[in-house]
């Protein structure tokens, strides 16, 4: 039963990652409260916080990668010029304008 409670607390905390940043005071206060109430030891609390922090970093990394892939796909499909392409065209126009003025 105690193990089930710890697993439930973990699941709740993982859900809370979306609500509370693991670095926030709210998250730390929540874990400190669990320790004070005897729901987990200090060592378990530290491990729990470390686990949540690692999970949050992985979620953040995965989310950033997904957003990058989706934004690249979007720009490829809407056929918009990239910043590099625009800069290249600006250089070509400037060069052509200088050439035209020289004639």
N, C-alpha and C. Protein backbone atom coordinates (compact mmCIF):
# COMPACT_ATOMS: atom_id res chain seq x y z
N UNK A 1 0.83 -1.20 0.00
CA UNK A 1 0.00 0.00 0.00
C UNK A 1 0.86 1.25 0.00
N UNK A 2 1.92 1.27 0.84
CA UNK A 2 2.80 2.44 0.89
C UNK A 2 3.46 2.68 -0.46
N UNK A 3 3.86 1.59 -1.13
CA UNK A 3 4.46 1.71 -2.46
C UNK A 3 3.46 2.31 -3.45
N UNK A 4 2.19 1.91 -3.34
CA UNK A 4 1.14 2.46 -4.22
C UNK A 4 0.99 3.96 -4.00
N UNK A 5 1.06 4.39 -2.75
CA UNK A 5 0.96 5.82 -2.44
C UNK A 5 2.13 6.60 -3.03
N UNK A 6 3.32 6.02 -2.94
CA UNK A 6 4.50 6.69 -3.50
C UNK A 6 4.38 6.79 -5.01
N UNK A 7 3.88 5.73 -5.64
CA UNK A 7 3.71 5.76 -7.10
C UNK A 7 2.66 6.80 -7.49
N UNK A 8 1.59 6.88 -6.71
CA UNK A 8 0.56 7.89 -6.97
C UNK A 8 1.15 9.29 -6.83
N UNK A 9 1.96 9.49 -5.78
CA UNK A 9 2.59 10.79 -5.60
C UNK A 9 3.51 11.12 -6.78
N UNK A 10 4.23 10.12 -7.26
CA UNK A 10 5.10 10.34 -8.42
C UNK A 10 4.29 10.75 -9.64
N UNK A 11 3.19 10.04 -9.88
CA UNK A 11 2.35 10.36 -11.03
C UNK A 11 1.78 11.77 -10.92
N UNK A 12 1.34 12.12 -9.73
CA UNK A 12 0.81 13.47 -9.52
C UNK A 12 1.90 14.50 -9.77
N UNK A 13 3.08 14.23 -9.28
CA UNK A 13 4.19 15.18 -9.46
C UNK A 13 4.57 15.30 -10.92
N UNK A 14 4.58 14.18 -11.65
CA UNK A 14 4.89 14.25 -13.07
C UNK A 14 3.84 15.08 -13.80
N UNK A 15 2.60 14.94 -13.40
CA UNK A 15 1.56 15.78 -13.99
C UNK A 15 1.78 17.25 -13.62
N UNK A 16 2.25 17.45 -12.39
CA UNK A 16 2.48 18.82 -11.93
C UNK A 16 3.60 19.50 -12.68
N UNK A 17 4.46 18.72 -13.33
CA UNK A 17 5.55 19.32 -14.11
C UNK A 17 4.96 20.28 -15.14
N UNK A 18 3.81 19.93 -15.66
CA UNK A 18 3.15 20.81 -16.62
C UNK A 18 2.58 22.05 -15.98
N UNK A 19 2.32 21.99 -14.68
CA UNK A 19 1.73 23.12 -13.97
C UNK A 19 2.79 23.92 -13.22
N UNK A 20 3.65 23.19 -12.52
CA UNK A 20 4.71 23.82 -11.74
C UNK A 20 6.05 23.48 -12.36
N UNK A 21 6.89 24.44 -12.48
CA UNK A 21 8.25 24.15 -12.89
C UNK A 21 8.96 23.47 -11.73
N UNK A 22 9.75 22.42 -12.02
CA UNK A 22 10.47 21.75 -10.92
C UNK A 22 11.41 22.68 -10.17
N UNK A 23 11.80 23.77 -10.80
CA UNK A 23 12.69 24.71 -10.13
C UNK A 23 11.90 25.70 -9.26
N UNK A 24 10.59 25.68 -9.35
CA UNK A 24 9.79 26.69 -8.66
C UNK A 24 9.67 26.40 -7.17
N UNK A 25 9.34 27.45 -6.43
CA UNK A 25 9.14 27.32 -5.00
C UNK A 25 7.95 26.41 -4.71
N UNK A 26 6.89 26.50 -5.53
CA UNK A 26 5.69 25.69 -5.30
C UNK A 26 6.03 24.21 -5.32
N UNK A 27 6.84 23.80 -6.27
CA UNK A 27 7.20 22.39 -6.38
C UNK A 27 8.00 21.96 -5.16
N UNK A 28 9.00 22.77 -4.80
CA UNK A 28 9.83 22.43 -3.64
C UNK A 28 9.01 22.42 -2.35
N UNK A 29 8.08 23.36 -2.22
CA UNK A 29 7.22 23.40 -1.05
C UNK A 29 6.34 22.16 -0.99
N UNK A 30 5.85 21.72 -2.14
CA UNK A 30 5.00 20.53 -2.20
C UNK A 30 5.78 19.31 -1.70
N UNK A 31 7.00 19.15 -2.20
CA UNK A 31 7.82 18.00 -1.78
C UNK A 31 8.19 18.13 -0.31
N UNK A 32 8.55 19.34 0.12
CA UNK A 32 8.87 19.54 1.54
C UNK A 32 7.68 19.19 2.43
N UNK A 33 6.48 19.53 1.97
CA UNK A 33 5.27 19.18 2.71
C UNK A 33 5.09 17.69 2.83
N UNK A 34 5.37 16.96 1.77
CA UNK A 34 5.25 15.50 1.80
C UNK A 34 6.25 14.92 2.79
N UNK A 35 7.46 15.50 2.81
CA UNK A 35 8.48 15.02 3.75
C UNK A 35 8.04 15.28 5.18
N UNK A 36 7.53 16.50 5.43
CA UNK A 36 7.08 16.86 6.78
C UNK A 36 5.94 15.97 7.24
N UNK A 37 5.06 15.60 6.33
CA UNK A 37 3.92 14.75 6.68
C UNK A 37 4.31 13.28 6.77
N UNK A 38 5.55 12.98 6.48
CA UNK A 38 6.03 11.60 6.58
C UNK A 38 5.65 10.73 5.40
N UNK A 39 5.24 11.36 4.31
CA UNK A 39 4.86 10.58 3.12
C UNK A 39 6.10 10.07 2.39
N UNK A 40 7.23 10.71 2.66
CA UNK A 40 8.51 10.24 2.10
C UNK A 40 9.64 10.77 2.97
N UNK A 41 10.77 10.08 2.92
CA UNK A 41 11.93 10.52 3.68
C UNK A 41 12.64 11.63 2.91
N UNK A 42 13.60 12.26 3.57
CA UNK A 42 14.37 13.30 2.88
C UNK A 42 15.12 12.72 1.69
N UNK A 43 15.68 11.54 1.87
CA UNK A 43 16.42 10.89 0.77
C UNK A 43 15.47 10.59 -0.39
N UNK A 44 14.28 10.09 -0.07
CA UNK A 44 13.29 9.82 -1.12
C UNK A 44 12.87 11.13 -1.80
N UNK A 45 12.72 12.17 -0.99
CA UNK A 45 12.34 13.47 -1.54
C UNK A 45 13.39 14.00 -2.49
N UNK A 46 14.66 13.88 -2.11
CA UNK A 46 15.75 14.34 -2.98
C UNK A 46 15.77 13.54 -4.27
N UNK A 47 15.64 12.21 -4.15
CA UNK A 47 15.63 11.36 -5.34
C UNK A 47 14.44 11.70 -6.22
N UNK A 48 13.30 11.92 -5.59
CA UNK A 48 12.09 12.26 -6.31
C UNK A 48 12.27 13.57 -7.09
N UNK A 49 12.80 14.58 -6.41
CA UNK A 49 13.03 15.87 -7.07
C UNK A 49 14.01 15.69 -8.23
N UNK A 50 15.06 14.93 -8.01
CA UNK A 50 16.04 14.67 -9.09
C UNK A 50 15.38 13.96 -10.27
N UNK A 51 14.54 12.96 -9.96
CA UNK A 51 13.83 12.23 -11.03
C UNK A 51 12.92 13.16 -11.82
N UNK A 52 12.19 14.00 -11.11
CA UNK A 52 11.27 14.92 -11.78
C UNK A 52 12.05 15.92 -12.62
N UNK A 53 13.17 16.41 -12.09
CA UNK A 53 14.01 17.35 -12.83
C UNK A 53 14.51 16.71 -14.12
N UNK A 54 14.99 15.45 -14.02
CA UNK A 54 15.47 14.74 -15.21
C UNK A 54 14.34 14.55 -16.21
N UNK A 55 13.18 14.14 -15.72
CA UNK A 55 12.02 13.93 -16.59
C UNK A 55 11.64 15.25 -17.27
N UNK A 56 11.65 16.34 -16.51
CA UNK A 56 11.29 17.64 -17.07
C UNK A 56 12.28 18.06 -18.15
N UNK A 57 13.57 17.81 -17.92
CA UNK A 57 14.58 18.14 -18.94
C UNK A 57 14.35 17.34 -20.20
N UNK A 58 14.04 16.04 -20.04
CA UNK A 58 13.77 15.20 -21.21
C UNK A 58 12.53 15.67 -21.96
N UNK A 59 11.50 16.00 -21.21
CA UNK A 59 10.26 16.49 -21.84
C UNK A 59 10.55 17.78 -22.58
N UNK A 60 11.29 18.68 -21.96
CA UNK A 60 11.62 19.96 -22.58
C UNK A 60 12.43 19.74 -23.86
N UNK A 61 13.42 18.86 -23.78
CA UNK A 61 14.26 18.56 -24.94
C UNK A 61 13.42 17.96 -26.07
N UNK A 62 12.56 16.99 -25.73
CA UNK A 62 11.70 16.37 -26.74
C UNK A 62 10.76 17.39 -27.35
N UNK A 63 10.22 18.26 -26.52
CA UNK A 63 9.29 19.28 -27.01
C UNK A 63 10.00 20.25 -27.94
N UNK A 64 11.20 20.69 -27.56
CA UNK A 64 11.95 21.60 -28.42
C UNK A 64 12.26 20.95 -29.76
N UNK A 65 12.64 19.67 -29.74
CA UNK A 65 12.95 18.95 -30.98
C UNK A 65 11.70 18.84 -31.85
N UNK A 66 10.57 18.52 -31.25
CA UNK A 66 9.32 18.41 -32.00
C UNK A 66 8.93 19.75 -32.61
N UNK A 67 9.05 20.81 -31.84
CA UNK A 67 8.71 22.14 -32.35
C UNK A 67 9.62 22.52 -33.50
N UNK A 68 10.92 22.23 -33.37
CA UNK A 68 11.87 22.53 -34.44
C UNK A 68 11.50 21.78 -35.71
N UNK A 69 11.23 20.48 -35.59
CA UNK A 69 10.87 19.67 -36.75
C UNK A 69 9.58 20.18 -37.39
N UNK A 70 8.60 20.49 -36.57
CA UNK A 70 7.32 20.95 -37.10
C UNK A 70 7.46 22.31 -37.77
N UNK A 71 8.25 23.20 -37.19
CA UNK A 71 8.42 24.52 -37.80
C UNK A 71 9.19 24.41 -39.11
N UNK A 72 10.19 23.53 -39.16
CA UNK A 72 10.93 23.32 -40.41
C UNK A 72 10.00 22.77 -41.48
N UNK A 73 9.17 21.82 -41.12
CA UNK A 73 8.22 21.24 -42.06
C UNK A 73 7.24 22.30 -42.54
N UNK A 74 6.77 23.13 -41.64
CA UNK A 74 5.84 24.20 -42.00
C UNK A 74 6.47 25.14 -43.03
N UNK A 75 7.68 25.61 -42.74
CA UNK A 75 8.33 26.55 -43.65
C UNK A 75 8.66 25.92 -45.00
N UNK A 76 8.98 24.64 -45.01
CA UNK A 76 9.23 23.96 -46.28
C UNK A 76 7.96 23.86 -47.11
N UNK A 77 6.83 23.69 -46.46
CA UNK A 77 5.58 23.50 -47.17
C UNK A 77 4.90 24.79 -47.58
N UNK A 78 5.21 25.91 -46.93
CA UNK A 78 4.59 27.17 -47.33
C UNK A 78 5.46 27.96 -48.29
N UNK A 79 6.63 27.43 -48.59
CA UNK A 79 7.53 28.01 -49.59
C UNK A 79 7.87 29.47 -49.29
N UNK A 80 8.27 29.73 -48.07
CA UNK A 80 8.75 31.05 -47.68
C UNK A 80 10.27 31.06 -47.77
N UNK A 81 10.81 32.20 -48.12
CA UNK A 81 12.26 32.33 -48.20
C UNK A 81 12.85 32.37 -46.79
N UNK A 82 14.02 31.75 -46.65
CA UNK A 82 14.72 31.78 -45.37
C UNK A 82 15.49 33.08 -45.26
N UNK A 83 15.95 33.38 -44.08
CA UNK A 83 16.76 34.59 -43.86
C UNK A 83 18.02 34.54 -44.73
N UNK A 84 18.65 33.38 -44.81
CA UNK A 84 19.86 33.24 -45.63
C UNK A 84 19.55 33.49 -47.10
N UNK A 85 18.41 32.99 -47.58
CA UNK A 85 18.05 33.21 -48.98
C UNK A 85 17.79 34.69 -49.25
N UNK A 86 17.14 35.36 -48.34
CA UNK A 86 16.85 36.79 -48.50
C UNK A 86 18.15 37.59 -48.49
N UNK A 87 19.05 37.26 -47.57
CA UNK A 87 20.34 37.96 -47.51
C UNK A 87 21.13 37.74 -48.80
N UNK A 88 21.09 36.53 -49.32
CA UNK A 88 21.78 36.22 -50.58
C UNK A 88 21.20 37.05 -51.72
N UNK A 89 19.89 37.12 -51.79
CA UNK A 89 19.24 37.91 -52.84
C UNK A 89 19.58 39.40 -52.69
N UNK A 90 19.61 39.90 -51.45
CA UNK A 90 19.97 41.30 -51.22
C UNK A 90 21.38 41.59 -51.71
N UNK A 91 22.29 40.67 -51.47
CA UNK A 91 23.67 40.85 -51.95
C UNK A 91 23.73 40.87 -53.47
N UNK A 92 22.96 39.98 -54.09
CA UNK A 92 22.94 39.93 -55.55
C UNK A 92 22.35 41.21 -56.13
N UNK A 93 21.26 41.72 -55.52
CA UNK A 93 20.64 42.96 -56.00
C UNK A 93 21.62 44.12 -55.85
N UNK A 94 22.30 44.19 -54.71
CA UNK A 94 23.27 45.26 -54.48
C UNK A 94 24.39 45.20 -55.52
N UNK A 95 24.88 44.00 -55.79
CA UNK A 95 25.94 43.83 -56.79
C UNK A 95 25.44 44.24 -58.17
N UNK A 96 24.22 43.86 -58.52
CA UNK A 96 23.66 44.24 -59.83
C UNK A 96 23.45 45.75 -59.93
N UNK A 97 23.02 46.37 -58.85
CA UNK A 97 22.83 47.82 -58.84
C UNK A 97 24.17 48.54 -59.03
N UNK A 98 25.24 48.06 -58.41
CA UNK A 98 26.56 48.65 -58.57
C UNK A 98 27.02 48.48 -60.01
N UNK A 99 26.80 47.30 -60.56
CA UNK A 99 27.18 47.02 -61.95
C UNK A 99 26.41 47.94 -62.91
N UNK A 100 25.13 48.11 -62.67
CA UNK A 100 24.29 48.95 -63.53
C UNK A 100 24.72 50.42 -63.43
N UNK A 101 25.05 50.91 -62.25
CA UNK A 101 25.47 52.28 -62.07
C UNK A 101 26.84 52.53 -62.74
N UNK A 102 27.68 51.50 -62.77
CA UNK A 102 29.00 51.63 -63.36
C UNK A 102 28.93 51.78 -64.87
N UNK A 103 27.86 51.29 -65.50
CA UNK A 103 27.74 51.36 -66.96
C UNK A 103 27.37 52.71 -67.38
